[in-house]
Amino acid sequence: NAQQRTMQSRAYFGLARIAVLQRETEAALELFQRALEYNPDPSTKAWSLIYLGRLADVEGDAQKSAAYFEAALQVNGLTKAAKTAAEKG
């Protein structure tokens, strides 16, 4: 059901953040993408896109990075903190 998928999305997001902290970029990219596939709540969706944008920026892909940040800004229910992070991206 939708609630279970949202919980799975949050779990993938949490695992992705751990991967970022451990500097496991490939794993983080895959896990953030998975988080987006599982009916994420607005916060999880926006922050997954922001992290994907940051990772693309680190890899030197400015165009891809900008697209992720723009997508984050389009999320309905975007929090002020997420909006600020996406705009700074």
PDB file of N, CA and C in Angstrom:
ATOM      1  N   ASN A   1       0.830  -1.191   0.000  1.00  0.00           N
ATOM      2  CA  ASN A   1       0.000   0.000   0.000  1.00  0.00           C
ATOM      3  C   ASN A   1       0.877   1.259   0.000  1.00  0.00           C
ATOM      4  N   ALA A   2       0.238   2.403  -0.151  1.00  0.00           N
ATOM      5  CA  ALA A   2       0.969   3.667  -0.286  1.00  0.00           C
ATOM      6  C   ALA A   2       1.777   4.006   0.964  1.00  0.00           C
ATOM      7  N   GLN A   3       1.223   3.731   2.129  1.00  0.00           N
ATOM      8  CA  GLN A   3       1.938   4.048   3.369  1.00  0.00           C
ATOM      9  C   GLN A   3       3.218   3.217   3.498  1.00  0.00           C
ATOM     10  N   GLN A   4       3.147   1.956   3.118  1.00  0.00           N
ATOM     11  CA  GLN A   4       4.345   1.103   3.169  1.00  0.00           C
ATOM     12  C   GLN A   4       5.403   1.607   2.196  1.00  0.00           C
ATOM     13  N   ARG A   5       4.973   2.032   1.009  1.00  0.00           N
ATOM     14  CA  ARG A   5       5.920   2.529   0.012  1.00  0.00           C
ATOM     15  C   ARG A   5       6.580   3.816   0.507  1.00  0.00           C
ATOM     16  N   THR A   6       5.828   4.652   1.189  1.00  0.00           N
ATOM     17  CA  THR A   6       6.409   5.881   1.740  1.00  0.00           C
ATOM     18  C   THR A   6       7.451   5.541   2.803  1.00  0.00           C
ATOM     19  N   MET A   7       7.163   4.553   3.628  1.00  0.00           N
ATOM     20  CA  MET A   7       8.135   4.125   4.640  1.00  0.00           C
ATOM     21  C   MET A   7       9.378   3.558   3.981  1.00  0.00           C
ATOM     22  N   GLN A   8       9.208   2.796   2.901  1.00  0.00           N
ATOM     23  CA  GLN A   8      10.355   2.254   2.179  1.00  0.00           C
ATOM     24  C   GLN A   8      11.182   3.386   1.580  1.00  0.00           C
ATOM     25  N   SER A   9      10.509   4.410   1.087  1.00  0.00           N
ATOM     26  CA  SER A   9      11.201   5.563   0.533  1.00  0.00           C
ATOM     27  C   SER A   9      12.090   6.219   1.587  1.00  0.00           C
ATOM     28  N   ARG A  10      11.537   6.391   2.783  1.00  0.00           N
ATOM     29  CA  ARG A  10      12.314   6.994   3.878  1.00  0.00           C
ATOM     30  C   ARG A  10      13.503   6.115   4.259  1.00  0.00           C
ATOM     31  N   ALA A  11      13.304   4.794   4.227  1.00  0.00           N
ATOM     32  CA  ALA A  11      14.401   3.874   4.555  1.00  0.00           C
ATOM     33  C   ALA A  11      15.521   4.001   3.521  1.00  0.00           C
ATOM     34  N   TYR A  12      15.165   4.022   2.251  1.00  0.00           N
ATOM     35  CA  TYR A  12      16.185   4.197   1.205  1.00  0.00           C
ATOM     36  C   TYR A  12      16.903   5.535   1.363  1.00  0.00           C
ATOM     37  N   PHE A  13      16.138   6.576   1.704  1.00  0.00           N
ATOM     38  CA  PHE A  13      16.735   7.892   1.906  1.00  0.00           C
ATOM     39  C   PHE A  13      17.748   7.850   3.049  1.00  0.00           C
ATOM     40  N   GLY A  14      17.387   7.208   4.146  1.00  0.00           N
ATOM     41  CA  GLY A  14      18.297   7.093   5.284  1.00  0.00           C
ATOM     42  C   GLY A  14      19.562   6.329   4.927  1.00  0.00           C
ATOM     43  N   LEU A  15      19.403   5.239   4.196  1.00  0.00           N
ATOM     44  CA  LEU A  15      20.570   4.465   3.758  1.00  0.00           C
ATOM     45  C   LEU A  15      21.448   5.284   2.811  1.00  0.00           C
ATOM     46  N   ALA A  16      20.807   6.067   1.960  1.00  0.00           N
ATOM     47  CA  ALA A  16      21.561   6.915   1.023  1.00  0.00           C
ATOM     48  C   ALA A  16      22.387   7.952   1.776  1.00  0.00           C
ATOM     49  N   ARG A  17      21.808   8.547   2.820  1.00  0.00           N
ATOM     50  CA  ARG A  17      22.555   9.535   3.606  1.00  0.00           C
ATOM     51  C   ARG A  17      23.749   8.888   4.295  1.00  0.00           C
ATOM     52  N   ILE A  18      23.584   7.667   4.765  1.00  0.00           N
ATOM     53  CA  ILE A  18      24.712   6.944   5.363  1.00  0.00           C
ATOM     54  C   ILE A  18      25.795   6.727   4.310  1.00  0.00           C
ATOM     55  N   ALA A  19      25.388   6.343   3.110  1.00  0.00           N
ATOM     56  CA  ALA A  19      26.352   6.130   2.022  1.00  0.00           C
ATOM     57  C   ALA A  19      27.118   7.418   1.712  1.00  0.00           C
ATOM     58  N   VAL A  20      26.426   8.558   1.756  1.00  0.00           N
ATOM     59  CA  VAL A  20      27.096   9.850   1.531  1.00  0.00           C
ATOM     60  C   VAL A  20      28.155  10.079   2.607  1.00  0.00           C
ATOM     61  N   LEU A  21      27.777   9.843   3.849  1.00  0.00           N
ATOM     62  CA  LEU A  21      28.719  10.043   4.953  1.00  0.00           C
ATOM     63  C   LEU A  21      29.928   9.130   4.841  1.00  0.00           C
ATOM     64  N   GLN A  22      29.732   7.956   4.272  1.00  0.00           N
ATOM     65  CA  GLN A  22      30.830   7.005   4.098  1.00  0.00           C
ATOM     66  C   GLN A  22      31.545   7.196   2.768  1.00  0.00           C
ATOM     67  N   ARG A  23      31.171   8.245   2.060  1.00  0.00           N
ATOM     68  CA  ARG A  23      31.761   8.590   0.754  1.00  0.00           C
ATOM     69  C   ARG A  23      31.614   7.474  -0.280  1.00  0.00           C
ATOM     70  N   GLU A  24      30.492   6.784  -0.207  1.00  0.00           N
ATOM     71  CA  GLU A  24      30.164   5.733  -1.174  1.00  0.00           C
ATOM     72  C   GLU A  24      29.187   6.330  -2.185  1.00  0.00           C
ATOM     73  N   THR A  25      29.733   7.086  -3.118  1.00  0.00           N
ATOM     74  CA  THR A  25      28.930   7.872  -4.048  1.00  0.00           C
ATOM     75  C   THR A  25      27.997   7.020  -4.897  1.00  0.00           C
ATOM     76  N   GLU A  26      28.495   5.953  -5.469  1.00  0.00           N
ATOM     77  CA  GLU A  26      27.660   5.113  -6.336  1.00  0.00           C
ATOM     78  C   GLU A  26      26.469   4.539  -5.571  1.00  0.00           C
ATOM     79  N   ALA A  27      26.717   4.053  -4.371  1.00  0.00           N
ATOM     80  CA  ALA A  27      25.633   3.515  -3.552  1.00  0.00           C
ATOM     81  C   ALA A  27      24.635   4.608  -3.204  1.00  0.00           C
ATOM     82  N   ALA A  28      25.140   5.790  -2.863  1.00  0.00           N
ATOM     83  CA  ALA A  28      24.258   6.904  -2.522  1.00  0.00           C
ATOM     84  C   ALA A  28      23.368   7.283  -3.698  1.00  0.00           C
ATOM     85  N   LEU A  29      23.950   7.358  -4.888  1.00  0.00           N
ATOM     86  CA  LEU A  29      23.163   7.698  -6.081  1.00  0.00           C
ATOM     87  C   LEU A  29      22.032   6.696  -6.294  1.00  0.00           C
ATOM     88  N   GLU A  30      22.367   5.429  -6.204  1.00  0.00           N
ATOM     89  CA  GLU A  30      21.362   4.382  -6.405  1.00  0.00           C
ATOM     90  C   GLU A  30      20.267   4.441  -5.345  1.00  0.00           C
ATOM     91  N   LEU A  31      20.657   4.645  -4.100  1.00  0.00           N
ATOM     92  CA  LEU A  31      19.685   4.665  -3.007  1.00  0.00           C
ATOM     93  C   LEU A  31      18.780   5.900  -3.056  1.00  0.00           C
ATOM     94  N   PHE A  32      19.324   7.059  -3.418  1.00  0.00           N
ATOM     95  CA  PHE A  32      18.466   8.248  -3.565  1.00  0.00           C
ATOM     96  C   PHE A  32      17.473   8.040  -4.710  1.00  0.00           C
ATOM     97  N   GLN A  33      17.920   7.408  -5.801  1.00  0.00           N
ATOM     98  CA  GLN A  33      17.004   7.112  -6.910  1.00  0.00           C
ATOM     99  C   GLN A  33      15.906   6.162  -6.446  1.00  0.00           C
ATOM    100  N   ARG A  34      16.276   5.154  -5.670  1.00  0.00           N
ATOM    101  CA  ARG A  34      15.283   4.215  -5.130  1.00  0.00           C
ATOM    102  C   ARG A  34      14.272   4.943  -4.243  1.00  0.00           C
ATOM    103  N   ALA A  35      14.765   5.862  -3.429  1.00  0.00           N
ATOM    104  CA  ALA A  35      13.866   6.630  -2.560  1.00  0.00           C
ATOM    105  C   ALA A  35      12.804   7.356  -3.381  1.00  0.00           C
ATOM    106  N   LEU A  36      13.200   7.849  -4.534  1.00  0.00           N
ATOM    107  CA  LEU A  36      12.262   8.578  -5.397  1.00  0.00           C
ATOM    108  C   LEU A  36      11.242   7.649  -6.057  1.00  0.00           C
ATOM    109  N   GLU A  37      11.549   6.380  -6.162  1.00  0.00           N
ATOM    110  CA  GLU A  37      10.659   5.410  -6.804  1.00  0.00           C
ATOM    111  C   GLU A  37       9.542   4.915  -5.889  1.00  0.00           C
ATOM    112  N   TYR A  38       9.661   5.121  -4.590  1.00  0.00           N
ATOM    113  CA  TYR A  38       8.743   4.520  -3.620  1.00  0.00           C
ATOM    114  C   TYR A  38       7.805   5.524  -2.953  1.00  0.00           C
ATOM    115  N   ASN A  39       7.073   6.299  -3.742  1.00  0.00           N
ATOM    116  CA  ASN A  39       6.046   7.183  -3.205  1.00  0.00           C
ATOM    117  C   ASN A  39       6.546   8.038  -2.032  1.00  0.00           C
ATOM    118  N   PRO A  40       7.610   8.819  -2.242  1.00  0.00           N
ATOM    119  CA  PRO A  40       8.158   9.595  -1.132  1.00  0.00           C
ATOM    120  C   PRO A  40       7.230  10.733  -0.707  1.00  0.00           C
ATOM    121  N   ASP A  41       7.283  11.051   0.570  1.00  0.00           N
ATOM    122  CA  ASP A  41       6.584  12.235   1.052  1.00  0.00           C
ATOM    123  C   ASP A  41       7.346  13.450   0.501  1.00  0.00           C
ATOM    124  N   PRO A  42       6.751  14.658   0.546  1.00  0.00           N
ATOM    125  CA  PRO A  42       7.408  15.823  -0.055  1.00  0.00           C
ATOM    126  C   PRO A  42       8.819  16.094   0.464  1.00  0.00           C
ATOM    127  N   SER A  43       9.037  15.929   1.748  1.00  0.00           N
ATOM    128  CA  SER A  43      10.355  16.201   2.317  1.00  0.00           C
ATOM    129  C   SER A  43      11.397  15.210   1.787  1.00  0.00           C
ATOM    130  N   THR A  44      11.050  13.927   1.795  1.00  0.00           N
ATOM    131  CA  THR A  44      11.980  12.904   1.305  1.00  0.00           C
ATOM    132  C   THR A  44      12.269  13.112  -0.174  1.00  0.00           C
ATOM    133  N   LYS A  45      11.237  13.450  -0.944  1.00  0.00           N
ATOM    134  CA  LYS A  45      11.423  13.680  -2.378  1.00  0.00           C
ATOM    135  C   LYS A  45      12.348  14.868  -2.625  1.00  0.00           C
ATOM    136  N   ALA A  46      12.050  15.986  -1.960  1.00  0.00           N
ATOM    137  CA  ALA A  46      12.855  17.192  -2.167  1.00  0.00           C
ATOM    138  C   ALA A  46      14.303  16.981  -1.756  1.00  0.00           C
ATOM    139  N   TRP A  47      14.521  16.397  -0.579  1.00  0.00           N
ATOM    140  CA  TRP A  47      15.891  16.212  -0.110  1.00  0.00           C
ATOM    141  C   TRP A  47      16.653  15.173  -0.929  1.00  0.00           C
ATOM    142  N   SER A  48      15.956  14.161  -1.444  1.00  0.00           N
ATOM    143  CA  SER A  48      16.623  13.200  -2.333  1.00  0.00           C
ATOM    144  C   SER A  48      17.112  13.918  -3.586  1.00  0.00           C
ATOM    145  N   LEU A  49      16.267  14.765  -4.151  1.00  0.00           N
ATOM    146  CA  LEU A  49      16.651  15.532  -5.341  1.00  0.00           C
ATOM    147  C   LEU A  49      17.801  16.491  -5.039  1.00  0.00           C
ATOM    148  N   ILE A  50      17.771  17.119  -3.865  1.00  0.00           N
ATOM    149  CA  ILE A  50      18.839  18.044  -3.476  1.00  0.00           C
ATOM    150  C   ILE A  50      20.170  17.294  -3.347  1.00  0.00           C
ATOM    151  N   TYR A  51      20.142  16.144  -2.674  1.00  0.00           N
ATOM    152  CA  TYR A  51      21.378  15.352  -2.547  1.00  0.00           C
ATOM    153  C   TYR A  51      21.872  14.882  -3.912  1.00  0.00           C
ATOM    154  N   LEU A  52      20.955  14.461  -4.789  1.00  0.00           N
ATOM    155  CA  LEU A  52      21.366  14.056  -6.139  1.00  0.00           C
ATOM    156  C   LEU A  52      22.002  15.237  -6.872  1.00  0.00           C
ATOM    157  N   GLY A  53      21.449  16.426  -6.665  1.00  0.00           N
ATOM    158  CA  GLY A  53      22.030  17.630  -7.263  1.00  0.00           C
ATOM    159  C   GLY A  53      23.416  17.913  -6.724  1.00  0.00           C
ATOM    160  N   ARG A  54      23.585  17.756  -5.442  1.00  0.00           N
ATOM    161  CA  ARG A  54      24.902  17.987  -4.833  1.00  0.00           C
ATOM    162  C   ARG A  54      25.932  16.976  -5.344  1.00  0.00           C
ATOM    163  N   LEU A  55      25.513  15.715  -5.449  1.00  0.00           N
ATOM    164  CA  LEU A  55      26.425  14.679  -5.941  1.00  0.00           C
ATOM    165  C   LEU A  55      26.798  14.927  -7.399  1.00  0.00           C
ATOM    166  N   ALA A  56      25.840  15.349  -8.208  1.00  0.00           N
ATOM    167  CA  ALA A  56      26.125  15.669  -9.612  1.00  0.00           C
ATOM    168  C   ALA A  56      27.088  16.847  -9.700  1.00  0.00           C
ATOM    169  N   ASP A  57      26.915  17.807  -8.794  1.00  0.00           N
ATOM    170  CA  ASP A  57      27.807  18.975  -8.768  1.00  0.00           C
ATOM    171  C   ASP A  57      29.234  18.558  -8.432  1.00  0.00           C
ATOM    172  N   VAL A  58      29.384  17.690  -7.445  1.00  0.00           N
ATOM    173  CA  VAL A  58      30.704  17.191  -7.055  1.00  0.00           C
ATOM    174  C   VAL A  58      31.360  16.460  -8.224  1.00  0.00           C
ATOM    175  N   GLU A  59      30.555  15.762  -9.004  1.00  0.00           N
ATOM    176  CA  GLU A  59      31.086  15.029 -10.155  1.00  0.00           C
ATOM    177  C   GLU A  59      31.335  15.942 -11.357  1.00  0.00           C
ATOM    178  N   GLY A  60      31.009  17.229 -11.215  1.00  0.00           N
ATOM    179  CA  GLY A  60      31.287  18.185 -12.282  1.00  0.00           C
ATOM    180  C   GLY A  60      30.221  18.283 -13.351  1.00  0.00           C
ATOM    181  N   ASP A  61      29.047  17.742 -13.098  1.00  0.00           N
ATOM    182  CA  ASP A  61      27.960  17.791 -14.078  1.00  0.00           C
ATOM    183  C   ASP A  61      26.983  18.897 -13.687  1.00  0.00           C
ATOM    184  N   ALA A  62      27.318  20.127 -14.070  1.00  0.00           N
ATOM    185  CA  ALA A  62      26.526  21.292 -13.675  1.00  0.00           C
ATOM    186  C   ALA A  62      25.109  21.245 -14.242  1.00  0.00           C
ATOM    187  N   GLN A  63      24.952  20.750 -15.443  1.00  0.00           N
ATOM    188  CA  GLN A  63      23.629  20.707 -16.065  1.00  0.00           C
ATOM    189  C   GLN A  63      22.704  19.737 -15.323  1.00  0.00           C
ATOM    190  N   LYS A  64      23.222  18.562 -15.019  1.00  0.00           N
ATOM    191  CA  LYS A  64      22.444  17.569 -14.282  1.00  0.00           C
ATOM    192  C   LYS A  64      22.130  18.080 -12.877  1.00  0.00           C
ATOM    193  N   SER A  65      23.120  18.696 -12.257  1.00  0.00           N
ATOM    194  CA  SER A  65      22.944  19.254 -10.922  1.00  0.00           C
ATOM    195  C   SER A  65      21.819  20.289 -10.907  1.00  0.00           C
ATOM    196  N   ALA A  66      21.853  21.200 -11.858  1.00  0.00           N
ATOM    197  CA  ALA A  66      20.828  22.249 -11.940  1.00  0.00           C
ATOM    198  C   ALA A  66      19.439  21.644 -12.144  1.00  0.00           C
ATOM    199  N   ALA A  67      19.354  20.588 -12.943  1.00  0.00           N
ATOM    200  CA  ALA A  67      18.057  19.940 -13.186  1.00  0.00           C
ATOM    201  C   ALA A  67      17.498  19.331 -11.903  1.00  0.00           C
ATOM    202  N   TYR A  68      18.360  18.708 -11.101  1.00  0.00           N
ATOM    203  CA  TYR A  68      17.900  18.152  -9.825  1.00  0.00           C
ATOM    204  C   TYR A  68      17.429  19.250  -8.876  1.00  0.00           C
ATOM    205  N   PHE A  69      18.189  20.338  -8.786  1.00  0.00           N
ATOM    206  CA  PHE A  69      17.794  21.428  -7.890  1.00  0.00           C
ATOM    207  C   PHE A  69      16.474  22.051  -8.349  1.00  0.00           C
ATOM    208  N   GLU A  70      16.303  22.203  -9.655  1.00  0.00           N
ATOM    209  CA  GLU A  70      15.056  22.752 -10.193  1.00  0.00           C
ATOM    210  C   GLU A  70      13.889  21.816  -9.886  1.00  0.00           C
ATOM    211  N   ALA A  71      14.106  20.517 -10.039  1.00  0.00           N
ATOM    212  CA  ALA A  71      13.054  19.541  -9.725  1.00  0.00           C
ATOM    213  C   ALA A  71      12.678  19.617  -8.247  1.00  0.00           C
ATOM    214  N   ALA A  72      13.662  19.807  -7.391  1.00  0.00           N
ATOM    215  CA  ALA A  72      13.382  19.927  -5.948  1.00  0.00           C
ATOM    216  C   ALA A  72      12.512  21.149  -5.667  1.00  0.00           C
ATOM    217  N   LEU A  73      12.774  22.237  -6.378  1.00  0.00           N
ATOM    218  CA  LEU A  73      11.989  23.459  -6.170  1.00  0.00           C
ATOM    219  C   LEU A  73      10.536  23.294  -6.621  1.00  0.00           C
ATOM    220  N   GLN A  74      10.262  22.311  -7.460  1.00  0.00           N
ATOM    221  CA  GLN A  74       8.907  22.077  -7.972  1.00  0.00           C
ATOM    222  C   GLN A  74       8.080  21.149  -7.087  1.00  0.00           C
ATOM    223  N   VAL A  75       8.679  20.590  -6.035  1.00  0.00           N
ATOM    224  CA  VAL A  75       7.971  19.651  -5.161  1.00  0.00           C
ATOM    225  C   VAL A  75       6.899  20.395  -4.362  1.00  0.00           C
ATOM    226  N   ASN A  76       5.667  19.887  -4.441  1.00  0.00           N
ATOM    227  CA  ASN A  76       4.586  20.462  -3.633  1.00  0.00           C
ATOM    228  C   ASN A  76       4.838  20.153  -2.162  1.00  0.00           C
ATOM    229  N   GLY A  77       4.667  21.143  -1.303  1.00  0.00           N
ATOM    230  CA  GLY A  77       4.897  20.944   0.119  1.00  0.00           C
ATOM    231  C   GLY A  77       6.352  21.090   0.522  1.00  0.00           C
ATOM    232  N   LEU A  78       7.126  21.747  -0.314  1.00  0.00           N
ATOM    233  CA  LEU A  78       8.550  21.966  -0.051  1.00  0.00           C
ATOM    234  C   LEU A  78       8.747  22.766   1.238  1.00  0.00           C
ATOM    235  N   THR A  79       9.616  22.289   2.117  1.00  0.00           N
ATOM    236  CA  THR A  79       9.880  23.013   3.355  1.00  0.00           C
ATOM    237  C   THR A  79      10.793  24.208   3.064  1.00  0.00           C
ATOM    238  N   LYS A  80      10.807  25.159   3.972  1.00  0.00           N
ATOM    239  CA  LYS A  80      11.653  26.339   3.808  1.00  0.00           C
ATOM    240  C   LYS A  80      13.134  25.947   3.738  1.00  0.00           C
ATOM    241  N   ALA A  81      13.550  25.004   4.592  1.00  0.00           N
ATOM    242  CA  ALA A  81      14.954  24.573   4.606  1.00  0.00           C
ATOM    243  C   ALA A  81      15.329  23.910   3.281  1.00  0.00           C
ATOM    244  N   ALA A  82      14.439  23.077   2.753  1.00  0.00           N
ATOM    245  CA  ALA A  82      14.715  22.415   1.482  1.00  0.00           C
ATOM    246  C   ALA A  82      14.748  23.435   0.343  1.00  0.00           C
ATOM    247  N   LYS A  83      13.848  24.399   0.390  1.00  0.00           N
ATOM    248  CA  LYS A  83      13.817  25.438  -0.647  1.00  0.00           C
ATOM    249  C   LYS A  83      15.132  26.218  -0.643  1.00  0.00           C
ATOM    250  N   THR A  84      15.584  26.594   0.530  1.00  0.00           N
ATOM    251  CA  THR A  84      16.831  27.331   0.662  1.00  0.00           C
ATOM    252  C   THR A  84      18.001  26.508   0.132  1.00  0.00           C
ATOM    253  N   ALA A  85      18.047  25.224   0.496  1.00  0.00           N
ATOM    254  CA  ALA A  85      19.128  24.349   0.032  1.00  0.00           C
ATOM    255  C   ALA A  85      19.105  24.195  -1.480  1.00  0.00           C
ATOM    256  N   ALA A  86      17.930  24.046  -2.065  1.00  0.00           N
ATOM    257  CA  ALA A  86      17.817  23.893  -3.513  1.00  0.00           C
ATOM    258  C   ALA A  86      18.223  25.168  -4.237  1.00  0.00           C
ATOM    259  N   GLU A  87      17.834  26.308  -3.684  1.00  0.00           N
ATOM    260  CA  GLU A  87      18.192  27.593  -4.296  1.00  0.00           C
ATOM    261  C   GLU A  87      19.690  27.841  -4.237  1.00  0.00           C
ATOM    262  N   LYS A  88      20.327  27.447  -3.133  1.00  0.00           N
ATOM    263  CA  LYS A  88      21.774  27.632  -2.995  1.00  0.00           C
ATOM    264  C   LYS A  88      22.538  26.683  -3.907  1.00  0.00           C
ATOM    265  N   GLY A  89      21.901  25.530  -4.233  1.00  0.00           N
ATOM    266  CA  GLY A  89      22.554  24.531  -5.062  1.00  0.00           C
ATOM    267  C   GLY A  89      22.927  25.080  -6.405  1.00  0.00           C
TER     268      GLY A  89
END
